[in-house]
Protein backbone atom coordinates (compact mmCIF):
# COMPACT_ATOMS: atom_id res chain seq x y z
CA MET A 1 0.00 -0.06 0.01
CA SER A 2 1.08 3.53 -0.62
CA ALA A 3 -0.20 7.07 0.16
CA TRP A 4 0.48 10.47 -1.21
CA GLY A 5 0.71 13.56 0.63
CA CYS A 6 1.26 17.16 -0.54
CA PRO A 7 4.17 18.94 1.08
CA HIS A 8 2.33 22.01 0.99
CA ASP A 9 -0.62 20.75 3.08
CA ILE A 10 0.25 21.43 6.69
CA LYS A 11 -2.66 20.16 9.03
CA GLY A 12 -5.25 20.92 6.34
CA ILE A 13 -3.78 24.34 5.45
CA CYS A 14 -2.30 25.14 2.13
CA THR A 15 1.03 26.77 2.58
CA ARG A 16 1.49 27.50 -1.12
CA VAL A 17 -1.92 29.25 -1.62
CA ASN A 18 -2.16 32.10 1.05
CA ASN A 19 -2.74 29.49 3.88
CA ILE A 20 -6.22 28.88 2.99
CA PRO A 21 -7.87 25.45 3.78
CA CYS A 22 -6.30 22.85 1.30
CA ASP A 23 -8.38 21.75 -1.54
CA LEU A 24 -6.50 19.51 -3.87
CA GLY A 25 -6.73 20.75 -7.55
CA MET A 26 -7.70 24.35 -6.63
CA LYS A 27 -6.28 27.17 -8.64
CA GLY A 28 -2.61 27.54 -7.36
CA CYS A 29 -2.29 24.06 -6.39
CA VAL A 30 0.79 22.26 -7.75
CA LEU A 31 -1.76 19.69 -9.04
CA PHE A 32 -3.78 22.20 -10.93
CA GLY A 33 -3.78 21.54 -14.69
CA ARG A 34 -1.70 18.37 -14.37
CA PHE A 35 -4.32 15.97 -13.57
CA ARG A 36 -8.10 15.53 -14.33
CA PHE A 37 -10.47 15.64 -11.32
CA ALA A 38 -13.93 14.29 -10.92
CA ASP A 39 -14.99 17.88 -10.05
CA PRO A 40 -15.18 19.75 -13.50
CA ALA A 41 -14.45 23.14 -11.63
CA LYS A 42 -10.99 21.95 -10.89
CA ASN A 43 -10.11 21.01 -14.40
CA ARG A 44 -8.49 23.62 -16.90
CA THR A 45 -10.61 24.42 -19.86
CA LYS A 46 -9.56 22.95 -23.16
CA LYS A 47 -7.93 25.64 -25.58
CA VAL A 48 -9.50 25.70 -28.90
CA PRO A 49 -6.97 25.39 -31.75
CA ALA A 50 -6.51 28.33 -34.12
CA ASN A 51 -7.50 26.26 -37.06
CA PRO A 52 -10.02 23.52 -35.90
CA VAL A 53 -9.77 20.26 -37.70
CA GLY A 54 -11.93 20.11 -40.89
CA LEU A 55 -11.67 23.84 -41.65
CA THR A 56 -9.17 24.88 -44.32
CA PRO A 57 -7.77 28.40 -44.78
CA VAL A 58 -8.65 30.43 -47.61
CA PRO A 59 -5.67 30.73 -50.04
CA ASP A 60 -4.41 34.27 -50.56
CA ASN A 61 -4.46 35.01 -54.35
CA GLY A 62 -2.69 38.21 -54.13
CA THR A 63 -5.65 40.53 -54.57
CA LYS A 64 -7.10 42.88 -51.91
């Protein structure tokens, strides 16, 4: 068996994020954006690509 403990969690207080109660995955947490959480509010939003798949850019024919 193994366990994981955050080095910034001291008695339930996050020493990394302004000494507020620890909530794994909150913004500012070392885990934020690195893992997917069951709570969607703790997950980063996906970035939309500049050129979504299926759309082709219009070629520039030199006229303006």
